[in-house]
N, C-alpha and C. Protein backbone atom coordinates (compact mmCIF):
# COMPACT_ATOMS: atom_id res chain seq x y z
N UNK A 1 95.55 138.50 63.87
CA UNK A 1 95.26 137.92 62.53
C UNK A 1 94.12 138.47 61.57
N UNK A 2 93.22 139.14 62.13
CA UNK A 2 92.49 140.34 60.91
C UNK A 2 93.45 141.14 60.56
N UNK A 3 94.04 141.56 60.98
CA UNK A 3 94.79 142.98 60.27
C UNK A 3 95.60 142.27 59.46
N UNK A 4 96.12 141.22 59.46
CA UNK A 4 97.29 140.59 58.15
C UNK A 4 96.40 140.07 56.98
N UNK A 5 95.25 139.57 57.87
CA UNK A 5 94.05 139.21 56.33
C UNK A 5 93.89 140.40 55.14
N UNK A 6 93.27 141.81 56.66
CA UNK A 6 93.12 142.86 55.60
C UNK A 6 94.70 143.39 54.90
N UNK A 7 95.67 143.19 55.44
CA UNK A 7 96.61 143.57 54.60
C UNK A 7 97.15 143.13 53.00
N UNK A 8 96.63 141.81 53.70
CA UNK A 8 96.92 140.85 52.84
C UNK A 8 95.86 141.23 51.17
N UNK A 9 95.23 141.52 51.68
CA UNK A 9 93.58 141.55 50.36
C UNK A 9 93.98 143.24 49.50
N UNK A 10 94.51 143.51 50.62
CA UNK A 10 94.47 145.09 50.21
C UNK A 10 95.50 146.09 49.66
N UNK A 11 96.88 145.35 50.07
CA UNK A 11 97.96 145.91 50.04
C UNK A 11 98.52 145.44 48.54
N UNK A 12 98.30 143.92 47.85
CA UNK A 12 98.63 144.44 46.90
C UNK A 12 100.01 143.57 46.30
N UNK A 13 100.72 143.59 48.01
CA UNK A 13 102.48 143.39 47.97
C UNK A 13 102.56 141.96 49.31
N UNK A 14 103.41 141.82 49.05
CA UNK A 14 104.10 140.53 49.76
C UNK A 14 103.60 140.87 51.26
N UNK A 15 103.56 139.97 52.29
CA UNK A 15 103.24 140.52 53.84
C UNK A 15 103.78 139.31 54.36
N UNK A 16 104.95 139.95 55.43
CA UNK A 16 105.39 139.31 56.35
C UNK A 16 105.28 139.17 57.86
N UNK A 17 104.74 138.34 58.92
CA UNK A 17 103.93 138.45 59.34
C UNK A 17 105.51 137.60 60.45
N UNK A 18 105.25 137.81 61.77
CA UNK A 18 106.37 137.78 62.89
C UNK A 18 105.73 137.69 63.73
N UNK A 19 105.93 136.26 64.59
CA UNK A 19 105.19 135.98 66.04
C UNK A 19 105.92 136.93 67.04
N UNK A 20 104.71 137.44 67.83
CA UNK A 20 104.51 137.96 68.63
C UNK A 20 105.96 137.27 69.72
N UNK A 21 107.10 138.07 70.21
CA UNK A 21 108.19 138.06 71.29
C UNK A 21 109.44 137.32 70.30
N UNK A 22 109.01 137.47 68.72
CA UNK A 22 110.49 136.99 68.32
C UNK A 22 111.53 138.12 68.22
N UNK A 23 112.40 137.66 68.61
CA UNK A 23 113.52 138.86 68.61
C UNK A 23 114.51 138.81 67.81
N UNK A 24 114.84 137.54 66.88
CA UNK A 24 115.83 137.43 65.78
C UNK A 24 115.54 136.26 64.75
N UNK A 25 115.82 136.88 63.39
CA UNK A 25 115.43 135.90 62.45
C UNK A 25 116.57 134.99 62.12
N UNK A 26 116.77 133.81 62.58
CA UNK A 26 117.61 132.87 61.82
C UNK A 26 117.41 132.82 59.93
N UNK A 27 118.53 132.83 59.45
CA UNK A 27 118.28 132.36 58.09
C UNK A 27 118.96 131.06 57.61
N UNK A 28 118.27 130.04 58.38
CA UNK A 28 118.88 128.74 58.24
C UNK A 28 118.45 127.65 57.39
N UNK A 29 116.76 127.56 57.99
CA UNK A 29 115.86 126.85 57.15
C UNK A 29 114.26 127.55 56.77
N UNK A 30 114.20 127.46 55.69
CA UNK A 30 112.87 128.11 54.94
C UNK A 30 112.28 126.85 54.39
N UNK A 31 110.64 126.80 54.45
CA UNK A 31 109.74 126.06 53.86
C UNK A 31 109.14 126.64 52.63
N UNK A 32 109.11 126.15 51.42
CA UNK A 32 107.93 126.73 50.97
C UNK A 32 106.78 125.55 50.42
N UNK A 33 105.54 126.22 51.03
CA UNK A 33 104.56 125.20 50.75
C UNK A 33 104.12 125.79 49.33
N UNK A 34 104.03 124.12 49.18
CA UNK A 34 103.74 124.04 47.12
C UNK A 34 103.10 123.55 46.80
N UNK A 35 102.45 124.22 46.03
CA UNK A 35 100.56 123.08 45.03
C UNK A 35 100.59 123.26 43.92
N UNK A 36 101.65 123.97 43.22
CA UNK A 36 101.46 123.89 41.86
C UNK A 36 100.37 125.08 41.15
N UNK A 37 100.14 125.83 42.64
CA UNK A 37 98.97 127.12 42.12
C UNK A 37 99.45 128.43 41.34
N UNK A 38 99.00 129.34 41.22
CA UNK A 38 99.26 130.59 40.60
C UNK A 38 99.79 131.42 41.73
N UNK A 39 99.01 131.05 42.71
CA UNK A 39 99.42 131.91 44.14
C UNK A 39 100.22 131.52 44.54
N UNK A 40 100.85 130.11 44.98
CA UNK A 40 102.16 129.65 45.08
C UNK A 40 103.05 129.83 44.26
N UNK A 41 103.16 130.03 43.05
CA UNK A 41 104.05 130.47 42.25
C UNK A 41 104.27 132.28 42.56
N UNK A 42 103.42 133.08 43.04
CA UNK A 42 103.37 134.32 42.96
C UNK A 42 104.77 134.66 44.30
N UNK A 43 104.03 133.60 45.10
CA UNK A 43 104.76 134.12 46.60
C UNK A 43 105.92 133.54 46.60
N UNK A 44 106.78 132.24 45.24
CA UNK A 44 107.84 131.95 45.48
C UNK A 44 108.30 133.52 44.60
N UNK A 45 108.28 133.71 43.60
CA UNK A 45 108.52 134.62 42.92
C UNK A 45 108.81 135.67 44.06
N UNK A 46 107.81 136.27 44.52
CA UNK A 46 108.48 137.57 45.53
C UNK A 46 109.01 137.38 46.57
N UNK A 47 109.35 136.19 46.98
CA UNK A 47 110.28 135.65 48.13
C UNK A 47 111.66 134.99 47.55
N UNK A 48 112.13 135.57 46.12
CA UNK A 48 113.52 134.71 45.45
C UNK A 48 114.45 135.61 46.49
N UNK A 49 114.39 136.68 46.78
CA UNK A 49 115.47 137.64 47.24
C UNK A 49 115.97 137.19 48.49
N UNK A 50 114.87 136.79 48.79
CA UNK A 50 114.39 136.62 50.37
C UNK A 50 115.71 135.10 50.42
N UNK A 51 114.54 134.07 49.77
CA UNK A 51 115.24 132.48 49.44
C UNK A 51 116.85 132.78 49.85
N UNK A 52 117.35 133.04 48.83
CA UNK A 52 118.57 132.98 48.67
C UNK A 52 119.64 133.57 49.66
N UNK A 53 119.10 134.19 50.62
CA UNK A 53 119.80 134.18 51.77
C UNK A 53 119.50 132.92 53.16
N UNK A 54 119.34 131.93 52.63
CA UNK A 54 119.26 130.76 53.73
C UNK A 54 119.81 129.87 53.21
N UNK A 55 120.51 129.30 54.37
CA UNK A 55 121.11 127.98 53.87
C UNK A 55 120.41 126.56 53.14
N UNK A 56 119.53 126.86 53.37
CA UNK A 56 118.62 125.39 52.92
C UNK A 56 116.71 125.84 52.55
N UNK A 57 116.27 125.26 51.54
CA UNK A 57 115.23 125.92 51.14
C UNK A 57 114.07 124.31 50.68
N UNK A 58 113.30 124.17 51.37
CA UNK A 58 112.64 122.90 51.16
C UNK A 58 110.97 123.00 50.45
N UNK A 59 110.88 122.80 49.06
CA UNK A 59 109.87 122.71 48.50
C UNK A 59 108.94 121.63 49.20
N UNK A 60 107.64 122.32 49.99
CA UNK A 60 106.90 121.07 50.61
C UNK A 60 105.58 120.82 49.87
N UNK A 61 105.82 119.61 49.55
CA UNK A 61 104.13 119.79 48.77
C UNK A 61 103.67 117.99 49.53
N UNK A 62 102.47 118.52 49.51
CA UNK A 62 101.50 117.14 50.34
C UNK A 62 100.94 116.56 49.41
N UNK A 63 101.60 114.82 49.44
CA UNK A 63 101.24 113.94 48.15
C UNK A 63 100.04 112.85 49.08
N UNK A 64 98.58 113.02 47.95
CA UNK A 64 97.94 112.20 48.02
C UNK A 64 98.22 110.52 47.32
N UNK A 65 97.50 109.62 48.63
CA UNK A 65 97.68 108.37 48.10
C UNK A 65 97.59 108.31 46.06
N UNK A 66 95.94 109.08 45.88
CA UNK A 66 95.81 108.29 44.22
C UNK A 66 97.39 109.43 43.39
N UNK A 67 98.00 110.23 43.70
CA UNK A 67 98.65 110.80 43.25
C UNK A 67 100.02 110.09 43.07
N UNK A 68 100.59 109.95 41.51
CA UNK A 68 101.78 109.59 41.27
C UNK A 68 103.04 110.43 41.53
N UNK A 69 104.05 109.83 41.80
CA UNK A 69 105.22 110.76 42.17
C UNK A 69 105.29 111.38 40.96
N UNK A 70 105.43 111.14 39.93
CA UNK A 70 105.52 111.88 38.80
C UNK A 70 104.75 113.39 38.16
N UNK A 71 103.35 112.81 38.96
CA UNK A 71 102.61 114.07 39.25
C UNK A 71 102.82 115.14 40.07
N UNK A 72 103.68 115.41 40.98
CA UNK A 72 104.16 116.19 42.08
C UNK A 72 104.32 117.44 41.88
N UNK A 73 104.16 118.18 41.98
CA UNK A 73 104.15 119.33 41.06
C UNK A 73 105.25 120.48 41.59
N UNK A 74 105.94 119.93 42.30
CA UNK A 74 107.22 120.57 42.89
C UNK A 74 108.56 120.53 42.00
N UNK A 75 108.77 119.55 41.21
CA UNK A 75 110.10 119.32 40.63
C UNK A 75 110.68 120.61 39.86
N UNK A 76 109.76 121.15 39.20
CA UNK A 76 110.05 122.10 38.24
C UNK A 76 110.40 123.37 38.73
N UNK A 77 109.93 123.76 39.87
CA UNK A 77 109.99 124.51 40.68
C UNK A 77 111.48 125.09 41.75
N UNK A 78 111.37 123.50 41.89
CA UNK A 78 112.85 123.19 42.84
C UNK A 78 113.95 123.27 41.50
N UNK A 79 114.00 122.88 40.55
CA UNK A 79 114.92 123.33 39.38
C UNK A 79 114.95 124.89 39.36
N UNK A 80 114.05 125.54 39.13
CA UNK A 80 113.91 127.21 38.71
C UNK A 80 114.66 127.52 39.86
N UNK A 81 114.59 127.22 41.41
CA UNK A 81 115.24 127.85 42.05
C UNK A 81 116.50 127.47 42.27
N UNK A 82 116.73 126.47 41.87
CA UNK A 82 118.60 126.26 41.87
C UNK A 82 119.31 126.64 40.67
N UNK A 83 118.24 127.46 39.38
CA UNK A 83 118.82 128.01 39.00
C UNK A 83 119.17 129.85 39.14
N UNK A 84 118.33 129.80 40.28
CA UNK A 84 118.64 131.39 41.07
C UNK A 84 120.12 131.33 42.07
N UNK A 85 120.27 130.00 42.00
CA UNK A 85 121.40 130.08 43.05
C UNK A 85 120.95 129.27 44.08
N UNK A 86 119.36 129.07 44.80
CA UNK A 86 119.66 128.78 46.11
C UNK A 86 119.15 127.40 46.09
N UNK A 87 119.61 126.77 47.60
CA UNK A 87 119.80 125.50 47.61
C UNK A 87 118.63 124.76 47.87
N UNK A 88 117.88 124.50 46.89
CA UNK A 88 116.47 124.19 46.84
C UNK A 88 116.54 122.52 46.95
N UNK A 89 115.33 121.32 47.22
CA UNK A 89 115.28 120.60 47.65
C UNK A 89 113.81 120.19 47.88
N UNK A 90 113.24 119.53 47.11
CA UNK A 90 111.68 118.93 47.23
C UNK A 90 111.52 117.81 48.04
N UNK A 91 110.66 118.16 49.19
CA UNK A 91 110.03 116.97 49.90
C UNK A 91 108.64 117.22 50.02
N UNK A 92 108.33 115.69 49.64
CA UNK A 92 106.78 115.29 49.70
C UNK A 92 106.46 114.64 50.78
N UNK A 93 105.21 115.18 51.49
CA UNK A 93 104.78 114.73 52.91
C UNK A 93 103.50 114.12 52.63
N UNK A 94 103.43 112.46 52.79
CA UNK A 94 102.02 111.99 52.49
C UNK A 94 101.23 112.64 53.25
N UNK A 95 99.85 112.80 52.64
CA UNK A 95 98.56 113.10 53.45
C UNK A 95 98.30 112.47 54.44
N UNK A 96 97.98 112.72 55.69
CA UNK A 96 97.12 112.32 56.66
C UNK A 96 95.59 112.50 56.76
N UNK A 97 94.77 111.59 56.63
CA UNK A 97 93.00 111.51 57.13
C UNK A 97 93.06 112.37 55.85
N UNK A 98 93.30 112.12 54.75
CA UNK A 98 92.83 112.55 53.47
C UNK A 98 92.43 114.31 53.67
N UNK A 99 93.55 114.80 54.92
CA UNK A 99 93.53 116.29 55.20
C UNK A 99 94.75 117.31 54.97
N UNK A 100 94.84 117.66 53.69
CA UNK A 100 95.87 118.58 52.66
C UNK A 100 96.05 119.75 54.07
N UNK A 101 95.59 120.26 54.69
CA UNK A 101 95.72 121.48 55.40
C UNK A 101 96.29 120.91 56.96
N UNK A 102 95.77 119.99 57.32
CA UNK A 102 96.19 119.41 58.55
C UNK A 102 97.70 118.93 58.61
N UNK A 103 97.76 118.12 57.51
CA UNK A 103 99.15 117.43 56.78
C UNK A 103 100.27 118.41 57.24
N UNK A 104 99.91 119.60 56.31
CA UNK A 104 101.20 120.53 56.11
C UNK A 104 101.27 121.58 57.07
N UNK A 105 100.00 121.62 58.11
CA UNK A 105 100.22 122.32 59.58
C UNK A 105 101.04 121.63 60.23
N UNK A 106 100.87 120.22 60.12
CA UNK A 106 101.47 119.47 61.32
C UNK A 106 103.00 119.59 60.98
N UNK A 107 103.23 118.63 59.64
CA UNK A 107 104.84 118.70 59.39
C UNK A 107 105.55 120.34 59.15
N UNK A 108 105.00 121.54 58.93
CA UNK A 108 105.45 122.94 59.06
C UNK A 108 105.95 122.66 60.75
N UNK A 109 104.64 122.68 61.79
CA UNK A 109 105.17 122.83 63.36
C UNK A 109 105.96 121.65 63.62
N UNK A 110 106.06 120.47 63.13
CA UNK A 110 107.21 119.59 63.67
C UNK A 110 108.91 120.15 63.13
N UNK A 111 108.90 120.35 62.02
CA UNK A 111 110.41 120.46 61.40
C UNK A 111 110.93 122.03 62.19
N UNK A 112 110.34 123.14 62.59
CA UNK A 112 111.25 124.15 62.99
C UNK A 112 111.97 124.54 61.89
N UNK A 113 111.03 125.53 61.16
CA UNK A 113 111.48 126.03 60.12
C UNK A 113 111.69 127.74 60.79
N UNK A 114 112.73 128.20 59.70
CA UNK A 114 113.07 129.80 60.73
C UNK A 114 112.04 130.78 59.46
N UNK A 115 111.14 130.36 58.54
CA UNK A 115 110.48 130.58 57.63
C UNK A 115 109.67 130.01 56.74
N UNK A 116 108.35 130.26 56.78
CA UNK A 116 107.23 129.73 56.06
C UNK A 116 106.94 130.71 54.75
N UNK A 117 107.45 130.19 53.54
CA UNK A 117 106.38 130.95 51.99
C UNK A 117 105.51 130.20 51.83
N UNK A 118 104.22 131.07 51.35
CA UNK A 118 103.14 130.08 50.69
C UNK A 118 102.32 131.34 50.35
N UNK A 119 102.02 130.70 49.50
CA UNK A 119 100.60 131.59 48.88
C UNK A 119 99.18 131.37 49.45
N UNK A 120 98.86 132.99 49.63
CA UNK A 120 97.84 133.06 50.39
C UNK A 120 96.19 133.42 49.40
N UNK A 121 95.29 132.81 50.16
CA UNK A 121 93.97 132.48 49.58
C UNK A 121 93.71 131.89 48.42
N UNK A 122 94.11 130.81 47.92
CA UNK A 122 93.93 130.42 46.71
C UNK A 122 92.01 130.31 46.32
N UNK A 123 91.52 130.01 47.18
CA UNK A 123 90.12 130.27 47.41
C UNK A 123 90.02 131.67 47.42
N UNK A 124 88.71 132.34 47.08
CA UNK A 124 88.22 133.37 47.23
C UNK A 124 88.04 133.59 49.01
N UNK A 125 88.08 134.62 49.31
CA UNK A 125 88.08 135.44 50.78
C UNK A 125 87.10 134.81 51.54
N UNK A 126 85.51 135.09 50.59
CA UNK A 126 84.41 134.31 51.06
C UNK A 126 84.40 132.94 51.84
N UNK A 127 84.96 132.10 50.69
CA UNK A 127 85.27 130.98 50.70
C UNK A 127 85.68 129.95 52.21
N UNK A 128 87.04 130.97 51.87
CA UNK A 128 88.01 130.72 53.08
C UNK A 128 87.22 131.41 54.58
N UNK A 129 86.81 131.95 54.45
CA UNK A 129 86.11 132.86 55.86
C UNK A 129 85.03 131.67 56.10
N UNK A 130 84.05 131.01 54.84
CA UNK A 130 82.88 130.34 55.27
C UNK A 130 83.52 128.73 55.58
N UNK A 131 84.52 128.04 54.93
CA UNK A 131 84.86 126.91 54.94
C UNK A 131 86.32 126.64 55.62
N UNK A 132 87.02 127.49 55.95
CA UNK A 132 88.35 127.72 56.26
C UNK A 132 89.21 127.59 55.02
N UNK A 133 90.35 127.01 55.48
CA UNK A 133 91.36 127.04 54.75
C UNK A 133 92.78 127.12 55.21
N UNK A 134 93.90 127.19 54.51
CA UNK A 134 95.21 126.95 54.78
C UNK A 134 95.37 128.04 55.73
N UNK A 135 95.42 129.48 54.29
CA UNK A 135 96.06 130.31 54.87
C UNK A 135 95.37 130.89 56.45
N UNK A 136 94.03 131.00 56.41
CA UNK A 136 93.41 131.32 57.67
C UNK A 136 93.90 130.17 59.12
N UNK A 137 94.47 129.21 58.36
CA UNK A 137 94.82 128.10 59.74
C UNK A 137 96.29 128.27 59.91
N UNK A 138 96.76 128.77 58.85
CA UNK A 138 98.47 129.33 59.52
C UNK A 138 98.38 130.87 59.95
N UNK A 139 97.73 131.37 59.93
CA UNK A 139 97.19 132.47 60.64
C UNK A 139 97.33 132.52 61.91
N UNK A 140 96.00 131.32 62.02
CA UNK A 140 95.64 131.71 63.40
C UNK A 140 96.65 130.41 64.59
N UNK A 141 97.64 129.66 63.63
CA UNK A 141 98.76 129.10 65.17
C UNK A 141 99.97 129.34 64.50
N UNK A 142 100.40 130.12 63.65
CA UNK A 142 101.81 129.82 63.03
C UNK A 142 102.75 130.30 63.80
N UNK A 143 103.48 128.87 64.28
CA UNK A 143 104.97 129.09 64.71
C UNK A 143 105.96 129.60 64.70
N UNK A 144 105.88 129.75 63.22
CA UNK A 144 107.24 130.80 62.91
C UNK A 144 106.95 131.74 62.34
N UNK A 145 107.80 133.06 61.78
CA UNK A 145 107.58 133.56 60.52
C UNK A 145 106.96 133.47 59.28
N UNK A 146 106.20 134.29 59.02
CA UNK A 146 105.41 133.99 57.68
C UNK A 146 106.11 135.09 56.71
N UNK A 147 105.64 134.25 55.09
CA UNK A 147 105.96 135.16 53.87
C UNK A 147 104.69 134.67 53.22
N UNK A 148 104.01 135.76 53.03
CA UNK A 148 102.83 135.39 52.43
C UNK A 148 102.45 136.30 50.90
N UNK A 149 102.06 135.68 50.26
CA UNK A 149 101.85 136.58 48.78
C UNK A 149 100.11 136.42 48.26
N UNK A 150 99.36 137.33 47.87
CA UNK A 150 97.82 136.76 47.22
C UNK A 150 98.15 137.91 45.95
N UNK A 151 97.60 136.71 44.89
CA UNK A 151 97.49 137.17 43.51
C UNK A 151 96.27 138.07 43.32
């Protein structure tokens, strides 16, 4: 995980991380962890050529109880991907125990995606090291191939 973190921070390029022992990569189901941030937008735009190869792309948004459906930040990005010829759908996952990261990781682990696209380190690297975050959690326990971009 340390090598992946260094690569993400220093390369200025998207990084693909493949779990040890992976022999083939199917191009069936892809998840995009979407929160509407600039980092997530960068990851999606970096991944568009790759996303086009998948049979299905799911934008995964974690929705909090106080968030109205029309406030969910994925509709416009879903339409953007469809305009690029990508079969994309928006999927909202209700937050559990007020923990966005745990909810996202639990959903990604259960849904059996072939690839997960996500913006990396929307917090500063120091904040991520001190308090944790989605990027470090996903790197520590990634069940599938990851495509991460850092702005």
